[in-house]
C-alpha atoms as a PDB file:
ATOM      1  CA  UNK A   1      24.245 -42.216 -28.215  1.00  0.00           C
ATOM      2  CA  UNK A   2      21.688 -39.558 -29.171  1.00  0.00           C
ATOM      3  CA  UNK A   3      20.089 -37.891 -26.162  1.00  0.00           C
ATOM      4  CA  UNK A   4      16.312 -37.666 -26.050  1.00  0.00           C
ATOM      5  CA  UNK A   5      13.989 -35.134 -24.477  1.00  0.00           C
ATOM      6  CA  UNK A   6      11.350 -35.999 -21.941  1.00  0.00           C
ATOM      7  CA  UNK A   7       7.861 -35.891 -23.429  1.00  0.00           C
ATOM      8  CA  UNK A   8       4.823 -34.827 -21.415  1.00  0.00           C
ATOM      9  CA  UNK A   9       1.241 -35.965 -21.671  1.00  0.00           C
ATOM     10  CA  UNK A  10      -1.524 -33.474 -20.932  1.00  0.00           C
ATOM     11  CA  UNK A  11      -2.191 -35.042 -17.554  1.00  0.00           C
ATOM     12  CA  UNK A  12       0.477 -36.882 -15.587  1.00  0.00           C
ATOM     13  CA  UNK A  13      -0.353 -39.277 -12.780  1.00  0.00           C
ATOM     14  CA  UNK A  14       0.417 -38.068  -9.263  1.00  0.00           C
ATOM     15  CA  UNK A  15       2.580 -41.140  -8.732  1.00  0.00           C
ATOM     16  CA  UNK A  16       4.867 -39.791 -11.456  1.00  0.00           C
ATOM     17  CA  UNK A  17       4.845 -36.172 -10.324  1.00  0.00           C
ATOM     18  CA  UNK A  18       5.205 -36.637  -6.605  1.00  0.00           C
ATOM     19  CA  UNK A  19       7.871 -38.658  -4.822  1.00  0.00           C
ATOM     20  CA  UNK A  20       8.964 -41.204  -4.143  1.00  0.00           C
ATOM     21  CA  UNK A  21       9.034 -42.132  -7.821  1.00  0.00           C
ATOM     22  CA  UNK A  22      10.984 -45.365  -8.137  1.00  0.00           C
ATOM     23  CA  UNK A  23      10.443 -45.574 -11.905  1.00  0.00           C
ATOM     24  CA  UNK A  24      12.216 -42.348 -12.811  1.00  0.00           C
ATOM     25  CA  UNK A  25      15.483 -43.023 -14.732  1.00  0.00           C
ATOM     26  CA  UNK A  26      17.773 -41.331 -12.211  1.00  0.00           C
ATOM     27  CA  UNK A  27      21.133 -40.365 -13.751  1.00  0.00           C
ATOM     28  CA  UNK A  28      20.612 -42.447 -16.903  1.00  0.00           C
ATOM     29  CA  UNK A  29      20.878 -39.284 -18.979  1.00  0.00           C
ATOM     30  CA  UNK A  30      22.883 -36.858 -16.875  1.00  0.00           C
ATOM     31  CA  UNK A  31      25.694 -39.245 -15.957  1.00  0.00           C
ATOM     32  CA  UNK A  32      26.773 -39.121 -19.598  1.00  0.00           C
ATOM     33  CA  UNK A  33      27.475 -35.392 -19.385  1.00  0.00           C
ATOM     34  CA  UNK A  34      29.090 -35.552 -15.935  1.00  0.00           C
ATOM     35  CA  UNK A  35      29.333 -32.964 -13.178  1.00  0.00           C
ATOM     36  CA  UNK A  36      31.472 -29.815 -13.322  1.00  0.00           C
ATOM     37  CA  UNK A  37      32.717 -29.632  -9.736  1.00  0.00           C
ATOM     38  CA  UNK A  38      35.160 -26.814 -10.484  1.00  0.00           C
ATOM     39  CA  UNK A  39      32.442 -24.554 -11.892  1.00  0.00           C
ATOM     40  CA  UNK A  40      31.563 -21.612  -9.624  1.00  0.00           C
ATOM     41  CA  UNK A  41      28.995 -19.986 -11.899  1.00  0.00           C
ATOM     42  CA  UNK A  42      25.609 -21.377 -12.856  1.00  0.00           C
ATOM     43  CA  UNK A  43      25.939 -24.602 -14.816  1.00  0.00           C
ATOM     44  CA  UNK A  44      22.997 -26.185 -16.558  1.00  0.00           C
ATOM     45  CA  UNK A  45      24.868 -29.497 -16.442  1.00  0.00           C
ATOM     46  CA  UNK A  46      25.161 -29.249 -12.658  1.00  0.00           C
ATOM     47  CA  UNK A  47      21.565 -28.062 -12.331  1.00  0.00           C
ATOM     48  CA  UNK A  48      20.376 -31.178 -14.190  1.00  0.00           C
ATOM     49  CA  UNK A  49      22.418 -33.464 -11.966  1.00  0.00           C
ATOM     50  CA  UNK A  50      21.426 -31.803  -8.684  1.00  0.00           C
ATOM     51  CA  UNK A  51      17.741 -31.608  -9.645  1.00  0.00           C
ATOM     52  CA  UNK A  52      17.712 -35.373 -10.149  1.00  0.00           C
ATOM     53  CA  UNK A  53      19.627 -35.853  -6.901  1.00  0.00           C
ATOM     54  CA  UNK A  54      17.051 -33.706  -5.072  1.00  0.00           C
ATOM     55  CA  UNK A  55      14.226 -35.772  -6.604  1.00  0.00           C
ATOM     56  CA  UNK A  56      16.053 -38.960  -5.660  1.00  0.00           C
ATOM     57  CA  UNK A  57      16.385 -37.764  -2.050  1.00  0.00           C
ATOM     58  CA  UNK A  58      12.747 -38.720  -1.375  1.00  0.00           C
ATOM     59  CA  UNK A  59      13.492 -42.397  -2.060  1.00  0.00           C
ATOM     60  CA  UNK A  60      14.593 -45.203   0.260  1.00  0.00           C
ATOM     61  CA  UNK A  61      18.245 -44.880   1.405  1.00  0.00           C
ATOM     62  CA  UNK A  62      19.332 -48.149  -0.223  1.00  0.00           C
ATOM     63  CA  UNK A  63      17.850 -47.049  -3.548  1.00  0.00           C
ATOM     64  CA  UNK A  64      19.574 -43.651  -3.263  1.00  0.00           C
ATOM     65  CA  UNK A  65      22.901 -45.328  -2.569  1.00  0.00           C
ATOM     66  CA  UNK A  66      22.528 -47.641  -5.568  1.00  0.00           C
ATOM     67  CA  UNK A  67      21.574 -44.782  -7.902  1.00  0.00           C
ATOM     68  CA  UNK A  68      24.601 -42.740  -6.896  1.00  0.00           C
ATOM     69  CA  UNK A  69      26.905 -45.724  -7.278  1.00  0.00           C
ATOM     70  CA  UNK A  70      25.534 -46.001 -10.813  1.00  0.00           C
ATOM     71  CA  UNK A  71      26.401 -42.317 -11.324  1.00  0.00           C
ATOM     72  CA  UNK A  72      29.990 -42.854 -10.154  1.00  0.00           C
ATOM     73  CA  UNK A  73      29.659 -41.626  -6.556  1.00  0.00           C
ATOM     74  CA  UNK A  74      30.617 -44.580  -4.366  1.00  0.00           C
ATOM     75  CA  UNK A  75      31.235 -42.816  -1.029  1.00  0.00           C
ATOM     76  CA  UNK A  76      27.761 -42.535   0.534  1.00  0.00           C
ATOM     77  CA  UNK A  77      26.701 -41.219   3.949  1.00  0.00           C
ATOM     78  CA  UNK A  78      23.146 -40.749   5.245  1.00  0.00           C
ATOM     79  CA  UNK A  79      21.988 -38.437   8.046  1.00  0.00           C
ATOM     80  CA  UNK A  80      18.522 -39.066   9.507  1.00  0.00           C
ATOM     81  CA  UNK A  81      16.911 -36.904  12.199  1.00  0.00           C
ATOM     82  CA  UNK A  82      14.397 -37.990  14.811  1.00  0.00           C
ATOM     83  CA  UNK A  83      11.431 -36.393  13.079  1.00  0.00           C
ATOM     84  CA  UNK A  84      11.708 -34.721   9.664  1.00  0.00           C
ATOM     85  CA  UNK A  85      15.321 -34.055   8.710  1.00  0.00           C
ATOM     86  CA  UNK A  86      17.103 -36.278   6.235  1.00  0.00           C
ATOM     87  CA  UNK A  87      20.025 -35.700   3.916  1.00  0.00           C
ATOM     88  CA  UNK A  88      22.795 -37.634   2.235  1.00  0.00           C
ATOM     89  CA  UNK A  89      26.368 -36.878   1.253  1.00  0.00           C
ATOM     90  CA  UNK A  90      28.289 -38.440  -1.626  1.00  0.00           C
ATOM     91  CA  UNK A  91      31.882 -38.019  -2.764  1.00  0.00           C
ATOM     92  CA  UNK A  92      33.572 -38.515  -6.099  1.00  0.00           C
ATOM     93  CA  UNK A  93      37.204 -37.518  -6.353  1.00  0.00           C
ATOM     94  CA  UNK A  94      37.536 -33.945  -5.164  1.00  0.00           C
ATOM     95  CA  UNK A  95      33.784 -33.282  -5.133  1.00  0.00           C
ATOM     96  CA  UNK A  96      31.395 -33.538  -2.184  1.00  0.00           C
ATOM     97  CA  UNK A  97      27.649 -33.228  -2.787  1.00  0.00           C
ATOM     98  CA  UNK A  98      25.134 -32.903   0.054  1.00  0.00           C
ATOM     99  CA  UNK A  99      21.442 -33.157  -0.827  1.00  0.00           C
ATOM    100  CA  UNK A 100      18.616 -32.449   1.625  1.00  0.00           C
ATOM    101  CA  UNK A 101      15.219 -34.104   1.342  1.00  0.00           C
ATOM    102  CA  UNK A 102      12.124 -31.941   1.139  1.00  0.00           C
ATOM    103  CA  UNK A 103       8.802 -32.477   2.884  1.00  0.00           C
ATOM    104  CA  UNK A 104       7.300 -35.846   2.036  1.00  0.00           C
ATOM    105  CA  UNK A 105       3.977 -35.558   0.223  1.00  0.00           C
ATOM    106  CA  UNK A 106       1.794 -37.752  -1.923  1.00  0.00           C
ATOM    107  CA  UNK A 107      -0.853 -35.407  -3.292  1.00  0.00           C
ATOM    108  CA  UNK A 108      -0.553 -31.830  -4.546  1.00  0.00           C
ATOM    109  CA  UNK A 109      -3.551 -30.741  -2.507  1.00  0.00           C
ATOM    110  CA  UNK A 110      -1.566 -31.452   0.656  1.00  0.00           C
ATOM    111  CA  UNK A 111       0.366 -28.245   0.002  1.00  0.00           C
ATOM    112  CA  UNK A 112      -2.241 -25.928   1.607  1.00  0.00           C
ATOM    113  CA  UNK A 113      -1.215 -27.616   4.852  1.00  0.00           C
ATOM    114  CA  UNK A 114       2.317 -26.608   4.004  1.00  0.00           C
ATOM    115  CA  UNK A 115       1.116 -23.003   3.714  1.00  0.00           C
ATOM    116  CA  UNK A 116      -0.359 -23.185   7.208  1.00  0.00           C
ATOM    117  CA  UNK A 117       3.034 -24.167   8.624  1.00  0.00           C
ATOM    118  CA  UNK A 118       4.235 -20.629   8.007  1.00  0.00           C
ATOM    119  CA  UNK A 119       2.531 -19.408  11.186  1.00  0.00           C
ATOM    120  CA  UNK A 120       5.850 -19.819  13.013  1.00  0.00           C
ATOM    121  CA  UNK A 121       7.766 -16.623  13.634  1.00  0.00           C
ATOM    122  CA  UNK A 122      11.425 -15.968  12.900  1.00  0.00           C
ATOM    123  CA  UNK A 123      14.206 -16.825  15.334  1.00  0.00           C
ATOM    124  CA  UNK A 124      17.855 -15.691  15.543  1.00  0.00           C
ATOM    125  CA  UNK A 125      20.255 -17.858  13.516  1.00  0.00           C
ATOM    126  CA  UNK A 126      23.762 -18.736  14.715  1.00  0.00           C
ATOM    127  CA  UNK A 127      25.748 -16.789  12.120  1.00  0.00           C
ATOM    128  CA  UNK A 128      23.491 -13.786  11.889  1.00  0.00           C
ATOM    129  CA  UNK A 129      19.999 -12.758  10.940  1.00  0.00           C
ATOM    130  CA  UNK A 130      16.548 -14.167  11.552  1.00  0.00           C
ATOM    131  CA  UNK A 131      15.168 -17.360  10.021  1.00  0.00           C
ATOM    132  CA  UNK A 132      11.983 -19.420   9.949  1.00  0.00           C
ATOM    133  CA  UNK A 133      12.200 -21.230  13.274  1.00  0.00           C
ATOM    134  CA  UNK A 134      10.496 -24.338  11.881  1.00  0.00           C
ATOM    135  CA  UNK A 135      13.223 -24.830   9.273  1.00  0.00           C
ATOM    136  CA  UNK A 136      15.813 -24.151  11.941  1.00  0.00           C
ATOM    137  CA  UNK A 137      14.391 -26.867  14.191  1.00  0.00           C
ATOM    138  CA  UNK A 138      14.436 -29.397  11.365  1.00  0.00           C
ATOM    139  CA  UNK A 139      18.104 -28.781  10.512  1.00  0.00           C
ATOM    140  CA  UNK A 140      19.099 -28.957  14.190  1.00  0.00           C
ATOM    141  CA  UNK A 141      18.015 -32.618  14.171  1.00  0.00           C
ATOM    142  CA  UNK A 142      21.043 -33.581  12.081  1.00  0.00           C
ATOM    143  CA  UNK A 143      23.521 -30.724  12.494  1.00  0.00           C
ATOM    144  CA  UNK A 144      25.429 -30.920  15.790  1.00  0.00           C
ATOM    145  CA  UNK A 145      26.869 -33.902  17.667  1.00  0.00           C
ATOM    146  CA  UNK A 146      28.954 -36.980  17.110  1.00  0.00           C
ATOM    147  CA  UNK A 147      28.422 -38.484  13.688  1.00  0.00           C
ATOM    148  CA  UNK A 148      26.236 -35.596  12.590  1.00  0.00           C
ATOM    149  CA  UNK A 149      26.465 -33.423   9.494  1.00  0.00           C
ATOM    150  CA  UNK A 150      28.647 -30.593  10.810  1.00  0.00           C
ATOM    151  CA  UNK A 151      31.241 -33.013  12.160  1.00  0.00           C
ATOM    152  CA  UNK A 152      31.249 -34.916   8.860  1.00  0.00           C
ATOM    153  CA  UNK A 153      31.682 -31.778   6.750  1.00  0.00           C
ATOM    154  CA  UNK A 154      34.453 -30.448   8.974  1.00  0.00           C
ATOM    155  CA  UNK A 155      36.319 -33.746   8.769  1.00  0.00           C
ATOM    156  CA  UNK A 156      36.090 -33.908   4.978  1.00  0.00           C
ATOM    157  CA  UNK A 157      37.271 -30.314   4.606  1.00  0.00           C
ATOM    158  CA  UNK A 158      40.175 -30.882   7.015  1.00  0.00           C
ATOM    159  CA  UNK A 159      41.323 -34.066   5.281  1.00  0.00           C
ATOM    160  CA  UNK A 160      41.042 -32.546   1.801  1.00  0.00           C
ATOM    161  CA  UNK A 161      41.169 -28.709   1.965  1.00  0.00           C
ATOM    162  CA  UNK A 162      40.750 -28.329  -1.805  1.00  0.00           C
ATOM    163  CA  UNK A 163      37.519 -30.343  -1.958  1.00  0.00           C
ATOM    164  CA  UNK A 164      34.631 -28.637  -3.758  1.00  0.00           C
ATOM    165  CA  UNK A 165      31.366 -28.724  -1.816  1.00  0.00           C
ATOM    166  CA  UNK A 166      27.859 -28.440  -3.277  1.00  0.00           C
ATOM    167  CA  UNK A 167      24.582 -28.274  -1.353  1.00  0.00           C
ATOM    168  CA  UNK A 168      21.204 -28.838  -2.992  1.00  0.00           C
ATOM    169  CA  UNK A 169      17.582 -29.587  -2.227  1.00  0.00           C
ATOM    170  CA  UNK A 170      13.991 -29.330  -3.405  1.00  0.00           C
ATOM    171  CA  UNK A 171      11.329 -27.464  -1.394  1.00  0.00           C
ATOM    172  CA  UNK A 172      12.153 -27.808   2.323  1.00  0.00           C
ATOM    173  CA  UNK A 173      15.401 -29.429   1.205  1.00  0.00           C
ATOM    174  CA  UNK A 174      16.360 -26.182  -0.508  1.00  0.00           C
ATOM    175  CA  UNK A 175      15.627 -24.246   2.673  1.00  0.00           C
ATOM    176  CA  UNK A 176      17.818 -26.616   4.701  1.00  0.00           C
ATOM    177  CA  UNK A 177      20.642 -26.329   2.173  1.00  0.00           C
ATOM    178  CA  UNK A 178      20.621 -22.537   2.620  1.00  0.00           C
ATOM    179  CA  UNK A 179      20.603 -22.782   6.396  1.00  0.00           C
ATOM    180  CA  UNK A 180      23.493 -25.243   6.246  1.00  0.00           C
ATOM    181  CA  UNK A 181      25.461 -22.981   3.905  1.00  0.00           C
ATOM    182  CA  UNK A 182      25.105 -20.176   6.446  1.00  0.00           C
ATOM    183  CA  UNK A 183      26.488 -22.417   9.183  1.00  0.00           C
ATOM    184  CA  UNK A 184      29.286 -23.980   7.114  1.00  0.00           C
ATOM    185  CA  UNK A 185      31.252 -21.265   5.256  1.00  0.00           C
ATOM    186  CA  UNK A 186      33.277 -23.593   3.004  1.00  0.00           C
ATOM    187  CA  UNK A 187      30.457 -24.432   0.604  1.00  0.00           C
ATOM    188  CA  UNK A 188      31.182 -23.480  -3.004  1.00  0.00           C
ATOM    189  CA  UNK A 189      27.692 -23.586  -4.544  1.00  0.00           C
ATOM    190  CA  UNK A 190      24.090 -24.082  -3.479  1.00  0.00           C
ATOM    191  CA  UNK A 191      21.356 -25.094  -5.916  1.00  0.00           C
ATOM    192  CA  UNK A 192      17.755 -24.836  -4.701  1.00  0.00           C
ATOM    193  CA  UNK A 193      14.672 -26.077  -6.552  1.00  0.00           C
ATOM    194  CA  UNK A 194      11.292 -24.619  -5.609  1.00  0.00           C
ATOM    195  CA  UNK A 195      12.626 -23.450  -2.264  1.00  0.00           C
ATOM    196  CA  UNK A 196      10.701 -21.108   0.043  1.00  0.00           C
ATOM    197  CA  UNK A 197      12.142 -17.981   1.622  1.00  0.00           C
ATOM    198  CA  UNK A 198      14.161 -18.885   4.702  1.00  0.00           C
ATOM    199  CA  UNK A 199      15.110 -15.711   6.523  1.00  0.00           C
ATOM    200  CA  UNK A 200      15.697 -11.984   6.419  1.00  0.00           C
ATOM    201  CA  UNK A 201      18.315  -9.993   4.532  1.00  0.00           C
ATOM    202  CA  UNK A 202      20.875 -10.212   7.312  1.00  0.00           C
ATOM    203  CA  UNK A 203      20.615 -13.997   7.152  1.00  0.00           C
ATOM    204  CA  UNK A 204      20.972 -14.152   3.369  1.00  0.00           C
ATOM    205  CA  UNK A 205      24.047 -11.918   3.623  1.00  0.00           C
ATOM    206  CA  UNK A 206      25.649 -14.495   5.924  1.00  0.00           C
ATOM    207  CA  UNK A 207      25.780 -17.043   3.085  1.00  0.00           C
ATOM    208  CA  UNK A 208      29.105 -16.804   1.242  1.00  0.00           C
ATOM    209  CA  UNK A 209      28.484 -19.592  -1.294  1.00  0.00           C
ATOM    210  CA  UNK A 210      27.231 -18.928  -4.810  1.00  0.00           C
ATOM    211  CA  UNK A 211      23.493 -19.603  -4.679  1.00  0.00           C
ATOM    212  CA  UNK A 212      21.364 -20.491  -7.701  1.00  0.00           C
ATOM    213  CA  UNK A 213      17.602 -20.362  -7.117  1.00  0.00           C
ATOM    214  CA  UNK A 214      15.651 -22.363  -9.672  1.00  0.00           C
ATOM    215  CA  UNK A 215      11.884 -21.853  -9.882  1.00  0.00           C
ATOM    216  CA  UNK A 216       9.474 -23.696 -12.157  1.00  0.00           C
ATOM    217  CA  UNK A 217       6.617 -21.611 -13.586  1.00  0.00           C
ATOM    218  CA  UNK A 218       3.826 -21.113 -11.006  1.00  0.00           C
ATOM    219  CA  UNK A 219       5.402 -23.127  -8.189  1.00  0.00           C
ATOM    220  CA  UNK A 220       3.490 -21.985  -5.113  1.00  0.00           C
ATOM    221  CA  UNK A 221       6.173 -22.839  -2.560  1.00  0.00           C
ATOM    222  CA  UNK A 222       8.730 -20.549  -4.201  1.00  0.00           C
ATOM    223  CA  UNK A 223       6.530 -17.580  -3.209  1.00  0.00           C
ATOM    224  CA  UNK A 224       6.280 -18.560   0.465  1.00  0.00           C
ATOM    225  CA  UNK A 225       6.340 -17.227   3.076  1.00  0.00           C
ATOM    226  CA  UNK A 226       5.296 -13.745   1.925  1.00  0.00           C
ATOM    227  CA  UNK A 227       8.004 -11.137   2.433  1.00  0.00           C
ATOM    228  CA  UNK A 228       6.047  -9.290   5.107  1.00  0.00           C
ATOM    229  CA  UNK A 229       4.636 -12.313   6.929  1.00  0.00           C
ATOM    230  CA  UNK A 230       4.603 -12.061  10.756  1.00  0.00           C
ATOM    231  CA  UNK A 231       7.117  -9.216  10.815  1.00  0.00           C
ATOM    232  CA  UNK A 232       7.637  -6.764  13.652  1.00  0.00           C
ATOM    233  CA  UNK A 233      10.126  -4.454  11.962  1.00  0.00           C
ATOM    234  CA  UNK A 234      11.152  -3.982   8.355  1.00  0.00           C
ATOM    235  CA  UNK A 235      14.444  -5.753   9.029  1.00  0.00           C
ATOM    236  CA  UNK A 236      12.425  -8.905   9.771  1.00  0.00           C
ATOM    237  CA  UNK A 237      11.086  -9.221   6.215  1.00  0.00           C
ATOM    238  CA  UNK A 238      11.648 -12.547   4.499  1.00  0.00           C
ATOM    239  CA  UNK A 239      14.037 -12.371   1.577  1.00  0.00           C
ATOM    240  CA  UNK A 240      15.097 -14.712  -1.230  1.00  0.00           C
ATOM    241  CA  UNK A 241      18.758 -15.240  -2.030  1.00  0.00           C
ATOM    242  CA  UNK A 242      20.578 -16.305  -5.152  1.00  0.00           C
ATOM    243  CA  UNK A 243      20.735 -15.896  -8.890  1.00  0.00           C
ATOM    244  CA  UNK A 244      17.275 -16.690 -10.245  1.00  0.00           C
ATOM    245  CA  UNK A 245      16.813 -19.206 -13.052  1.00  0.00           C
ATOM    246  CA  UNK A 246      13.127 -19.266 -13.938  1.00  0.00           C
ATOM    247  CA  UNK A 247      11.672 -22.142 -15.991  1.00  0.00           C
ATOM    248  CA  UNK A 248       8.690 -20.696 -17.835  1.00  0.00           C
ATOM    249  CA  UNK A 249       5.560 -22.488 -19.035  1.00  0.00           C
ATOM    250  CA  UNK A 250       7.307 -23.452 -22.297  1.00  0.00           C
ATOM    251  CA  UNK A 251      10.343 -24.873 -20.529  1.00  0.00           C
ATOM    252  CA  UNK A 252      12.632 -21.976 -21.403  1.00  0.00           C
ATOM    253  CA  UNK A 253      15.062 -20.764 -18.753  1.00  0.00           C
ATOM    254  CA  UNK A 254      14.945 -17.046 -18.043  1.00  0.00           C
ATOM    255  CA  UNK A 255      16.547 -14.674 -15.552  1.00  0.00           C
ATOM    256  CA  UNK A 256      13.237 -13.012 -14.631  1.00  0.00           C
ATOM    257  CA  UNK A 257      10.245 -14.546 -12.882  1.00  0.00           C
ATOM    258  CA  UNK A 258       6.798 -14.726 -14.406  1.00  0.00           C
ATOM    259  CA  UNK A 259       5.289 -16.570 -11.454  1.00  0.00           C
ATOM    260  CA  UNK A 260       1.582 -15.678 -11.250  1.00  0.00           C
ATOM    261  CA  UNK A 261       1.679 -16.048  -7.463  1.00  0.00           C
ATOM    262  CA  UNK A 262       3.609 -12.826  -6.940  1.00  0.00           C
ATOM    263  CA  UNK A 263       0.430 -11.658  -5.172  1.00  0.00           C
ATOM    264  CA  UNK A 264       1.868 -13.279  -2.041  1.00  0.00           C
ATOM    265  CA  UNK A 265       4.349 -10.426  -1.809  1.00  0.00           C
ATOM    266  CA  UNK A 266       1.524  -7.989  -1.086  1.00  0.00           C
ATOM    267  CA  UNK A 267      -0.297 -10.072   1.509  1.00  0.00           C
ATOM    268  CA  UNK A 268      -0.199  -9.054   5.147  1.00  0.00           C
ATOM    269  CA  UNK A 269       0.085 -11.181   8.256  1.00  0.00           C
ATOM    270  CA  UNK A 270      -3.663 -11.271   8.924  1.00  0.00           C
ATOM    271  CA  UNK A 271      -4.365 -12.388   5.345  1.00  0.00           C
ATOM    272  CA  UNK A 272      -2.650 -15.740   5.840  1.00  0.00           C
ATOM    273  CA  UNK A 273      -3.631 -16.637   9.374  1.00  0.00           C
ATOM    274  CA  UNK A 274      -5.015 -20.214   9.216  1.00  0.00           C
ATOM    275  CA  UNK A 275      -8.651 -20.197  10.285  1.00  0.00           C
ATOM    276  CA  UNK A 276      -9.391 -16.697   9.099  1.00  0.00           C
ATOM    277  CA  UNK A 277     -12.175 -16.287   6.543  1.00  0.00           C
ATOM    278  CA  UNK A 278      -9.813 -14.644   4.071  1.00  0.00           C
ATOM    279  CA  UNK A 279      -7.293 -17.479   4.356  1.00  0.00           C
ATOM    280  CA  UNK A 280      -9.933 -20.168   3.811  1.00  0.00           C
ATOM    281  CA  UNK A 281     -11.337 -18.293   0.814  1.00  0.00           C
ATOM    282  CA  UNK A 282      -7.841 -17.878  -0.569  1.00  0.00           C
ATOM    283  CA  UNK A 283      -7.014 -21.604  -0.350  1.00  0.00           C
ATOM    284  CA  UNK A 284     -10.360 -22.680  -1.866  1.00  0.00           C
ATOM    285  CA  UNK A 285     -10.088 -20.252  -4.766  1.00  0.00           C
ATOM    286  CA  UNK A 286      -6.461 -21.140  -5.390  1.00  0.00           C
ATOM    287  CA  UNK A 287      -7.280 -24.846  -5.507  1.00  0.00           C
ATOM    288  CA  UNK A 288     -10.177 -24.319  -7.900  1.00  0.00           C
ATOM    289  CA  UNK A 289      -8.372 -21.851 -10.115  1.00  0.00           C
ATOM    290  CA  UNK A 290      -5.282 -23.776 -11.154  1.00  0.00           C
ATOM    291  CA  UNK A 291      -3.810 -27.054  -9.987  1.00  0.00           C
ATOM    292  CA  UNK A 292      -0.610 -25.948 -11.747  1.00  0.00           C
ATOM    293  CA  UNK A 293       0.185 -23.886  -8.644  1.00  0.00           C
ATOM    294  CA  UNK A 294       0.699 -27.210  -6.869  1.00  0.00           C
ATOM    295  CA  UNK A 295       1.863 -29.516  -9.644  1.00  0.00           C
ATOM    296  CA  UNK A 296       4.478 -26.987 -10.780  1.00  0.00           C
ATOM    297  CA  UNK A 297       6.192 -27.667  -7.453  1.00  0.00           C
ATOM    298  CA  UNK A 298       6.794 -31.285  -8.459  1.00  0.00           C
ATOM    299  CA  UNK A 299      10.492 -32.300  -8.454  1.00  0.00           C
ATOM    300  CA  UNK A 300       9.702 -34.350 -11.567  1.00  0.00           C
ATOM    301  CA  UNK A 301       9.202 -31.160 -13.556  1.00  0.00           C
ATOM    302  CA  UNK A 302      12.418 -29.623 -12.242  1.00  0.00           C
ATOM    303  CA  UNK A 303      14.404 -32.676 -13.345  1.00  0.00           C
ATOM    304  CA  UNK A 304      12.792 -33.218 -16.728  1.00  0.00           C
ATOM    305  CA  UNK A 305      12.484 -29.599 -17.856  1.00  0.00           C
ATOM    306  CA  UNK A 306      16.054 -28.755 -16.924  1.00  0.00           C
ATOM    307  CA  UNK A 307      17.207 -31.741 -18.959  1.00  0.00           C
ATOM    308  CA  UNK A 308      15.139 -30.638 -21.944  1.00  0.00           C
ATOM    309  CA  UNK A 309      16.558 -27.114 -21.586  1.00  0.00           C
ATOM    310  CA  UNK A 310      20.070 -28.556 -21.595  1.00  0.00           C
ATOM    311  CA  UNK A 311      19.380 -30.402 -24.850  1.00  0.00           C
ATOM    312  CA  UNK A 312      17.960 -27.210 -26.357  1.00  0.00           C
ATOM    313  CA  UNK A 313      21.112 -25.332 -25.374  1.00  0.00           C
ATOM    314  CA  UNK A 314      23.377 -27.894 -27.045  1.00  0.00           C
ATOM    315  CA  UNK A 315      21.212 -27.981 -30.173  1.00  0.00           C
ATOM    316  CA  UNK A 316      21.513 -24.214 -30.432  1.00  0.00           C
ATOM    317  CA  UNK A 317      25.279 -24.324 -30.008  1.00  0.00           C
ATOM    318  CA  UNK A 318      25.153 -22.968 -26.450  1.00  0.00           C
ATOM    319  CA  UNK A 319      27.352 -25.068 -24.213  1.00  0.00           C
ATOM    320  CA  UNK A 320      26.189 -23.552 -20.953  1.00  0.00           C
ATOM    321  CA  UNK A 321      23.618 -21.041 -19.715  1.00  0.00           C
END
């Protein structure tokens, strides 16, 4: 069966771009190329699969379970916190995949509210370093305790020591996957899609898994919080982690970012304080200037453009990037 690329109209409906999108053909394409659970380096095949899984994570649990059964993963477990946290784990053979859901949103213009959430300062993390305390609180909803994620992961690793473990997530889900990888040292790979910075350099150094950070064009969330936001000392600066795979405006995957929102790196604490005149002016101008800063964060684009890039790589005789 000949594989087809996704085609894009000039203006896509928000119901397509922003989850939950129940009409997206989850795994219809990628299940035919499989999942390389033994691969430690970046795999475009695995990126395609995990991007769709991260998009799927915003859907209803029963729909998620059905979609993964269709993809050949029939061992399904859901973890739901009291407030925000939600993730699911699936197993196929010697492969365990854990995908964290991002922040639920319906409209791209809701993202300025997401920016305002970065007023929370860093807090010490269990295995070293400082992290965004809001992300930390979310993960704590599902991490410790009977029947929770840490217990589940420990049990699976004990019963099958050779199992390969992958974490993934879009947006907030990417942040939670990094926090979880710091707390659980037996993770092989982490794939994040449009994930914000989570903590300082000491925290990123605590993650032993191979991390692949995928960013689509001018995704605003991938530049948040600014490196020097609410810091007291230089060691408190926010830092990204992982091998960057940047999807440019033409859908090509590069190893260097061309995100136009790099200006965030230069902004100081007072520049982004919600309620300040500069912050309000910044949000208004950003909204008027380019809606791509918000729509580029859509998990739909991560899924579809990675798939198209995979087809390009096979057409050019490149098996993997």
